Protein backbone atom coordinates (compact mmCIF):
# COMPACT_ATOMS: atom_id res chain seq x y z
CA MET A 1 -4.35 -67.12 -75.39
CA VAL A 2 -5.51 -70.67 -74.75
CA LEU A 3 -9.08 -71.70 -75.47
CA ASP A 4 -9.60 -74.63 -73.10
CA LEU A 5 -12.31 -76.95 -74.41
CA THR A 6 -11.38 -79.93 -72.26
CA GLY A 7 -14.62 -79.63 -70.30
CA CYS A 8 -16.78 -79.57 -73.43
CA GLU A 9 -18.66 -82.70 -74.39
CA TYR A 10 -20.38 -81.34 -77.51
CA CYS A 11 -19.81 -78.73 -80.20
CA ASP A 12 -21.15 -78.11 -83.68
CA PRO A 13 -19.97 -76.28 -86.81
CA SER A 14 -21.18 -72.91 -85.47
CA THR A 15 -18.79 -73.36 -82.54
CA MET A 16 -15.98 -74.03 -85.00
CA GLU A 17 -16.91 -70.90 -86.94
CA ALA A 18 -16.69 -68.88 -83.72
CA ILE A 19 -13.25 -70.33 -82.98
CA LEU A 20 -12.03 -69.44 -86.48
CA ARG A 21 -13.37 -65.89 -86.13
CA LEU A 22 -11.57 -65.60 -82.78
CA HIS A 23 -8.38 -66.88 -84.41
CA ILE A 24 -8.63 -64.21 -87.12
CA HIS A 25 -9.36 -61.47 -84.58
CA VAL A 26 -6.49 -62.32 -82.23
CA SER A 27 -4.10 -62.68 -85.18
CA GLU A 28 -4.95 -59.11 -86.18
CA VAL A 29 -3.91 -57.87 -82.74
CA ASP A 30 -0.78 -60.06 -82.68
CA THR A 31 -1.99 -62.44 -79.98
CA PRO A 32 -1.34 -66.16 -80.47
CA LEU A 33 -4.25 -68.55 -79.93
CA SER A 34 -4.13 -72.26 -79.21
CA LEU A 35 -6.75 -74.85 -78.36
CA ARG A 36 -6.74 -77.35 -75.54
CA LEU A 37 -9.01 -80.23 -76.52
CA PRO A 38 -10.31 -83.29 -74.70
CA ALA A 39 -8.38 -86.49 -75.47
CA SER A 40 -11.36 -88.07 -77.22
CA GLY A 41 -14.99 -87.52 -78.07
CA THR A 42 -17.03 -85.21 -80.25
CA VAL A 43 -15.01 -82.01 -79.78
CA PRO A 44 -11.67 -83.21 -81.20
CA ARG A 45 -13.51 -85.07 -84.00
CA VAL A 46 -15.43 -81.93 -85.04
CA CYS A 47 -12.22 -79.85 -84.87
CA ALA A 48 -10.48 -82.34 -87.16
CA THR A 49 -13.42 -82.74 -89.55
CA THR A 50 -13.95 -79.00 -89.99
CA GLY A 51 -10.21 -78.30 -90.29
CA VAL A 52 -10.03 -76.07 -87.23
CA SER A 53 -7.24 -78.15 -85.70
CA ARG A 54 -5.19 -77.62 -88.89
CA VAL A 55 -5.55 -73.82 -88.66
CA VAL A 56 -5.39 -73.19 -84.92
CA PRO A 57 -2.52 -74.83 -82.98
CA VAL A 58 -3.63 -77.57 -80.58
CA GLU A 59 -1.90 -78.27 -77.27
CA GLU A 60 -1.38 -81.89 -76.37
CA THR A 61 -2.16 -82.79 -72.78
CA GLY A 62 -0.34 -85.44 -70.81
CA ALA A 63 -1.93 -87.91 -68.42
CA ASP A 64 -1.92 -85.32 -65.64
CA GLY A 65 -3.61 -82.65 -67.77
CA PRO A 66 -1.13 -79.82 -68.38
CA PRO A 67 0.05 -79.27 -71.94
CA THR A 68 3.22 -81.07 -72.97
CA HIS A 69 3.86 -79.29 -76.27
CA LEU A 70 2.16 -77.40 -79.04
CA HIS A 71 1.41 -78.59 -82.58
CA GLY A 72 1.37 -76.10 -85.38
CA ARG A 73 2.65 -72.55 -85.56
CA PHE A 74 1.37 -69.19 -84.51
CA ARG A 75 0.72 -66.78 -87.33
CA ARG A 76 1.84 -63.24 -86.77
């Protein structure tokens, strides 16, 4: 499952909490989750500051948009 946040311009810690809860839930049902983040701005900064991007794998996007590879590992 990919949570695409590339269109988001703002998020706060409650958004990060919701993402972590989703990560826990999908892990329990053996479904991998990854994030697709905008290249810059508030969203990737908040993900890094709160540690979400260290827990949930983040897809890197190339210049044309589609993911090029995944950082991190899926937990099963």
